[in-house]
Amino acid sequence: MRVATVDGLVTLFYDGTKELFDEDLQDEWDDELLEYDAELHQYRCKNIAHWESWDLSNECKQYFRERLSWEQIIVEEGVTVIPISTFSYCCNIKKVILANTVIKIEAATFYNCSSLVYVKWSMSLEFIGPKAFFNCNLSSVFLPPSCRKIDGDDTFARNENLKILNVPNDTKIDTFHDIYIMIHRTELLERSPFECTTISESSLSEYKFVNTWIKTLNNDEKFVLHKVCCSYQPTIQDIHTLILDKGFKAFQEKNNVGITPSEYLAENPYASIKEMDIIQYFIQEMTE
């Protein structure tokens, strides 16, 4: 593994040859954090200054200096699994680029990476573990068609700005603990029809329906343009057919959580077309 500056970001090129997470050193940090401020404990290193003045071993300080220096992770070709907690508590990571050989992201892999705003997903990804992206800063997630299973225990919880989550219809979402909902404390859940924004006995009964709702959010016929725009590799022809029927105003129609087809298309990393491409195609077809 090597570290270099790429696009202005301190970048770790991860090849899977070294175990990066040390549970003992993490425990040492946590004990000091509790002494520093118990209320901040759940957020670990987020918004904590002067941590080097804590009573930590030199080994622990060096461990966190290294982990807090990384701003981008590039997972290299050949890596198939990112082990449990590999990048957890690396609070300054902003971008993650996964090689297409990555099949599994295990539990808590990017746990509490509170600056993480962008993930380029592996097109071979099959599994995401519990709490894998807990307390990150993702605003949109489009999982690839290869994703077969998600352990839904807090997988994307506490991504407060998460508004778009597109999960393939045949992806299985498991939850082993009813109170740990996959999108707990996200903007998407707050906009949902469910009363699951806080953990209470009255809301637990609804948790089991959230996973199905996530995958079928745009299944209503009136949201078919939304579904196409957030699908894998939408085509101009498919959208053009809908526009002929609905008109361009349909691009600004909001679904039940307030998202427009335009927003889906703009955020969709698998869409090689832009809204202007569709407009130009429409005009060309209408004038021929």
Protein backbone atom coordinates (compact mmCIF):
# COMPACT_ATOMS: atom_id res chain seq x y z
CA MET A 1 0.00 0.00 0.00
CA ARG A 2 1.15 3.51 -0.75
CA VAL A 3 0.06 7.07 -0.04
CA ALA A 4 0.16 9.90 -2.58
CA THR A 5 -1.62 13.16 -3.29
CA VAL A 6 -4.29 12.78 -5.99
CA ASP A 7 -6.49 15.69 -7.06
CA GLY A 8 -5.35 17.59 -4.00
CA LEU A 9 -6.38 14.79 -1.61
CA VAL A 10 -4.08 12.63 0.50
CA THR A 11 -4.86 9.25 -1.02
CA LEU A 12 -4.30 5.74 0.27
CA PHE A 13 -4.03 3.09 -2.45
CA TYR A 14 -5.44 0.05 -0.67
CA ASP A 15 -4.29 -3.33 -1.95
CA GLY A 16 -5.55 -5.48 0.92
CA THR A 17 -2.11 -6.72 1.99
CA LYS A 18 -2.17 -5.11 5.44
CA GLU A 19 -4.66 -5.19 8.31
CA LEU A 20 -5.43 -1.50 8.91
CA PHE A 21 -7.79 -1.61 11.90
CA ASP A 22 -6.38 -2.18 15.41
CA GLU A 23 -9.09 -2.86 17.98
CA ASP A 24 -6.80 -2.38 20.98
CA LEU A 25 -5.63 1.05 19.84
CA GLN A 26 -9.21 2.01 19.03
CA ASP A 27 -10.26 1.01 22.55
CA GLU A 28 -7.45 3.15 24.00
CA TRP A 29 -8.70 6.14 22.00
CA ASP A 30 -12.30 5.51 23.07
CA ASP A 31 -11.38 5.42 26.75
CA GLU A 32 -9.69 8.82 26.45
CA LEU A 33 -12.57 10.21 24.44
CA LEU A 34 -14.98 9.30 27.23
CA GLU A 35 -12.77 11.21 29.65
CA TYR A 36 -12.67 14.18 27.28
CA ASP A 37 -16.40 14.40 26.58
CA ALA A 38 -18.83 11.52 27.06
CA GLU A 39 -21.44 13.21 24.84
CA LEU A 40 -19.07 13.10 21.86
CA HIS A 41 -18.27 9.43 22.35
CA GLN A 42 -20.80 8.19 19.81
CA TYR A 43 -19.23 10.42 17.15
CA ARG A 44 -15.66 9.31 17.97
CA CYS A 45 -13.17 11.68 16.30
CA LYS A 46 -15.72 14.05 14.75
CA ASN A 47 -15.22 17.69 15.76
CA ILE A 48 -12.57 16.84 18.35
CA ALA A 49 -9.55 19.15 18.55
CA HIS A 50 -6.32 18.81 20.49
CA TRP A 51 -6.59 15.04 20.76
CA GLU A 52 -2.81 14.71 20.66
CA SER A 53 -2.67 16.23 24.13
CA TRP A 54 -4.59 13.26 25.53
CA ASP A 55 -2.87 10.61 27.61
CA LEU A 56 -2.36 8.19 24.72
CA SER A 57 0.51 5.86 23.92
CA ASN A 58 2.85 6.91 21.13
CA GLU A 59 1.65 3.91 19.15
CA CYS A 60 -1.96 5.05 19.46
CA LYS A 61 -1.11 8.61 18.46
CA GLN A 62 0.78 7.44 15.39
CA TYR A 63 -2.07 5.10 14.48
CA PHE A 64 -4.57 7.96 14.50
CA ARG A 65 -2.26 10.43 12.81
CA GLU A 66 -2.10 8.02 9.89
CA ARG A 67 -5.81 7.24 9.78
CA LEU A 68 -6.83 10.88 10.11
CA SER A 69 -4.44 11.91 7.33
CA TRP A 70 -6.29 9.96 4.64
CA GLU A 71 -8.72 12.01 2.53
CA GLN A 72 -9.34 9.55 -0.31
CA ILE A 73 -9.24 5.78 -0.59
CA ILE A 74 -8.61 4.07 -3.91
CA VAL A 75 -9.15 0.32 -3.66
CA GLU A 76 -6.93 -1.35 -6.23
CA GLU A 77 -7.82 -4.08 -8.73
CA GLY A 78 -7.62 -7.56 -7.26
CA VAL A 79 -9.13 -6.68 -3.88
CA THR A 80 -12.35 -8.67 -3.45
CA VAL A 81 -13.25 -8.07 0.20
CA ILE A 82 -12.82 -5.03 2.45
CA PRO A 83 -12.66 -6.51 5.98
CA ILE A 84 -14.57 -5.46 9.08
CA SER A 85 -13.82 -1.93 10.35
CA THR A 86 -10.94 -1.40 7.89
CA PHE A 87 -11.52 2.37 7.54
CA SER A 88 -13.77 2.98 10.54
CA TYR A 89 -13.23 6.27 12.38
CA CYS A 90 -11.18 7.71 9.46
CA CYS A 91 -13.08 10.95 9.81
CA ASN A 92 -11.33 12.91 7.06
CA ILE A 93 -11.98 10.54 4.16
CA LYS A 94 -14.02 12.39 1.55
CA LYS A 95 -13.97 10.02 -1.43
CA VAL A 96 -13.83 6.24 -1.90
CA ILE A 97 -13.19 4.63 -5.28
CA LEU A 98 -13.75 0.88 -5.38
CA ALA A 99 -12.17 -1.36 -8.01
CA ASN A 100 -14.63 -3.50 -9.92
CA THR A 101 -13.13 -6.61 -8.30
CA VAL A 102 -14.66 -5.72 -4.91
CA ILE A 103 -17.44 -8.18 -4.06
CA LYS A 104 -17.95 -7.61 -0.33
CA ILE A 105 -17.91 -4.62 1.99
CA GLU A 106 -17.97 -6.12 5.48
CA ALA A 107 -19.46 -4.73 8.71
CA ALA A 108 -18.51 -1.21 9.84
CA THR A 109 -15.96 -0.85 7.03
CA PHE A 110 -16.52 2.92 6.71
CA TYR A 111 -18.16 3.37 10.12
CA ASN A 112 -18.06 6.99 11.26
CA CYS A 113 -16.26 8.32 8.18
CA SER A 114 -18.14 11.55 8.81
CA SER A 115 -16.61 13.47 5.88
CA LEU A 116 -17.37 10.80 3.26
CA VAL A 117 -19.53 12.34 0.52
CA TYR A 118 -18.73 10.19 -2.53
CA VAL A 119 -18.41 6.47 -3.27
CA LYS A 120 -17.70 5.00 -6.69
CA TRP A 121 -19.23 1.54 -6.38
CA SER A 122 -17.76 -1.68 -7.71
CA MET A 123 -19.83 -3.11 -10.54
CA SER A 124 -19.23 -6.57 -9.04
CA LEU A 125 -20.41 -5.65 -5.53
CA GLU A 126 -22.65 -8.35 -4.05
CA PHE A 127 -22.82 -7.67 -0.31
CA ILE A 128 -22.77 -4.74 2.13
CA GLY A 129 -22.48 -5.46 5.85
CA PRO A 130 -24.18 -3.85 8.87
CA LYS A 131 -23.15 -0.31 9.81
CA ALA A 132 -20.83 -0.26 6.79
CA PHE A 133 -21.58 3.43 6.11
CA PHE A 134 -22.91 4.49 9.50
CA ASN A 135 -22.53 8.23 10.24
CA CYS A 136 -21.04 9.17 6.88
CA ASN A 137 -22.14 12.20 4.83
CA LEU A 138 -23.60 10.62 1.69
CA SER A 139 -26.48 12.46 0.02
CA SER A 140 -27.20 9.89 -2.72
CA VAL A 141 -26.52 6.18 -3.17
CA PHE A 142 -27.13 4.20 -6.37
CA LEU A 143 -26.19 0.57 -5.78
CA PRO A 144 -25.15 -1.51 -8.83
CA PRO A 145 -27.35 -4.31 -10.25
CA SER A 146 -24.86 -6.89 -8.93
CA CYS A 147 -25.76 -6.13 -5.29
CA ARG A 148 -27.54 -9.24 -4.02
CA LYS A 149 -27.71 -8.65 -0.27
CA ILE A 150 -27.52 -5.86 2.29
CA ASP A 151 -27.41 -6.40 6.02
CA GLY A 152 -29.82 -3.61 6.85
CA ASP A 153 -28.77 -3.01 10.46
CA ASP A 154 -27.85 0.70 10.34
CA THR A 155 -26.11 0.25 6.97
CA PHE A 156 -26.59 3.90 5.94
CA ALA A 157 -27.90 5.26 9.24
CA ARG A 158 -26.98 8.79 10.39
CA ASN A 159 -26.19 9.96 6.86
CA GLU A 160 -28.34 12.95 7.70
CA ASN A 161 -28.33 14.38 4.16
CA LEU A 162 -29.14 11.08 2.46
CA LYS A 163 -32.07 11.88 0.18
CA ILE A 164 -31.68 9.36 -2.65
CA LEU A 165 -31.17 5.63 -2.15
CA ASN A 166 -31.66 3.43 -5.19
CA VAL A 167 -31.53 -0.30 -4.44
CA PRO A 168 -32.06 -3.00 -7.12
CA ASN A 169 -35.47 -4.66 -6.80
CA ASP A 170 -33.99 -8.14 -6.37
CA THR A 171 -31.55 -7.12 -3.62
CA LYS A 172 -32.31 -8.87 -0.35
CA ILE A 173 -32.27 -6.59 2.69
CA ASP A 174 -31.90 -8.43 6.00
CA THR A 175 -32.34 -6.91 9.44
CA PHE A 176 -31.49 -8.96 12.49
CA HIS A 177 -32.35 -6.28 15.06
CA ASP A 178 -35.67 -4.48 14.63
CA ILE A 179 -34.41 -1.23 16.15
CA TYR A 180 -31.49 -0.86 13.73
CA ILE A 181 -33.12 0.37 10.56
CA MET A 182 -30.98 0.72 7.42
CA ILE A 183 -31.68 4.43 6.88
CA HIS A 184 -32.31 5.56 10.46
CA ARG A 185 -31.76 9.31 10.93
CA THR A 186 -31.59 10.21 7.26
CA GLU A 187 -33.50 12.82 5.28
CA LEU A 188 -35.05 10.04 3.19
CA LEU A 189 -36.62 8.37 6.23
CA GLU A 190 -37.84 11.70 7.56
CA ARG A 191 -39.69 12.23 4.27
CA SER A 192 -41.12 8.71 4.26
CA PRO A 193 -44.66 7.78 5.32
CA PHE A 194 -43.28 5.87 8.32
CA GLU A 195 -43.02 7.00 11.93
CA CYS A 196 -39.51 5.61 12.34
CA THR A 197 -37.51 8.74 12.98
CA THR A 198 -37.16 7.82 16.64
CA ILE A 199 -36.91 4.42 18.30
CA SER A 200 -40.12 3.65 20.14
CA GLU A 201 -42.51 0.77 20.59
CA SER A 202 -45.07 2.49 18.39
CA SER A 203 -42.68 2.66 15.43
CA LEU A 204 -41.09 -0.79 15.63
CA SER A 205 -44.05 -2.41 13.92
CA GLU A 206 -43.40 -0.34 10.80
CA TYR A 207 -39.70 -1.11 10.46
CA LYS A 208 -40.23 -4.32 8.51
CA PHE A 209 -42.07 -2.42 5.77
CA VAL A 210 -39.33 0.17 5.19
CA ASN A 211 -37.03 -2.16 3.24
CA THR A 212 -39.76 -3.00 0.73
CA TRP A 213 -40.73 0.66 0.45
CA ILE A 214 -37.12 1.66 -0.38
CA LYS A 215 -37.08 -0.68 -3.39
CA THR A 216 -40.59 0.13 -4.60
CA LEU A 217 -40.67 3.88 -3.96
CA ASN A 218 -41.18 4.64 -7.67
CA ASN A 219 -43.27 1.62 -8.67
CA ASP A 220 -46.48 3.65 -8.96
CA GLU A 221 -47.35 4.21 -12.62
CA LYS A 222 -47.34 7.99 -12.16
CA PHE A 223 -43.67 7.80 -11.10
CA VAL A 224 -42.47 5.72 -14.03
CA LEU A 225 -40.22 8.56 -15.27
CA HIS A 226 -38.62 8.69 -11.81
CA LYS A 227 -37.99 4.96 -11.99
CA VAL A 228 -36.36 5.16 -15.42
CA CYS A 229 -34.16 8.13 -14.47
CA CYS A 230 -32.79 6.38 -11.39
CA SER A 231 -32.37 3.00 -13.08
CA TYR A 232 -29.14 1.43 -14.28
CA GLN A 233 -28.05 2.99 -17.58
CA PRO A 234 -31.29 4.74 -18.62
CA THR A 235 -31.58 5.42 -22.35
CA ILE A 236 -32.67 8.51 -24.22
CA GLN A 237 -35.18 6.40 -26.14
CA ASP A 238 -36.93 5.13 -22.99
CA ILE A 239 -37.19 8.61 -21.54
CA HIS A 240 -38.24 10.09 -24.90
CA THR A 241 -41.21 7.72 -25.04
CA LEU A 242 -42.38 8.91 -21.64
CA ILE A 243 -41.82 12.57 -22.46
CA LEU A 244 -44.01 12.22 -25.56
CA ASP A 245 -46.82 11.17 -23.26
CA LYS A 246 -46.17 13.35 -20.22
CA GLY A 247 -44.37 16.41 -21.57
CA PHE A 248 -41.22 18.03 -20.22
CA LYS A 249 -43.02 19.25 -17.12
CA ALA A 250 -42.81 15.67 -15.88
CA PHE A 251 -39.09 16.21 -15.19
CA GLN A 252 -40.07 18.54 -12.36
CA GLU A 253 -42.83 16.41 -10.83
CA LYS A 254 -42.00 15.28 -7.30
CA ASN A 255 -42.61 11.80 -6.00
CA ASN A 256 -43.85 11.05 -2.48
CA VAL A 257 -40.52 12.02 -0.91
CA GLY A 258 -40.11 15.21 -2.93
CA ILE A 259 -37.56 14.01 -5.50
CA THR A 260 -37.91 14.91 -9.19
CA PRO A 261 -36.78 12.83 -12.20
CA SER A 262 -34.28 15.63 -12.92
CA GLU A 263 -32.64 15.08 -9.52
CA TYR A 264 -32.45 11.33 -10.05
CA LEU A 265 -30.90 11.73 -13.48
CA ALA A 266 -28.38 14.34 -12.31
CA GLU A 267 -27.23 12.19 -9.37
CA ASN A 268 -27.31 8.81 -11.15
CA PRO A 269 -23.68 7.71 -11.69
CA TYR A 270 -24.78 5.08 -14.23
CA ALA A 271 -26.53 7.59 -16.49
CA SER A 272 -24.40 8.60 -19.45
CA ILE A 273 -27.03 11.12 -20.56
CA LYS A 274 -28.04 14.53 -19.26
CA GLU A 275 -31.38 16.28 -19.34
CA MET A 276 -30.15 18.61 -22.08
CA ASP A 277 -29.27 15.55 -24.23
CA ILE A 278 -32.88 14.42 -23.93
CA ILE A 279 -34.24 17.86 -24.85
CA GLN A 280 -31.97 18.04 -27.91
CA TYR A 281 -32.99 14.52 -28.96
CA PHE A 282 -36.69 15.46 -28.53
CA ILE A 283 -36.31 18.57 -30.69
CA GLN A 284 -34.44 16.62 -33.34
CA GLU A 285 -37.10 13.91 -33.45
CA MET A 286 -39.92 16.45 -33.62
CA THR A 287 -38.34 18.38 -36.52
CA GLU A 288 -37.53 15.42 -38.73
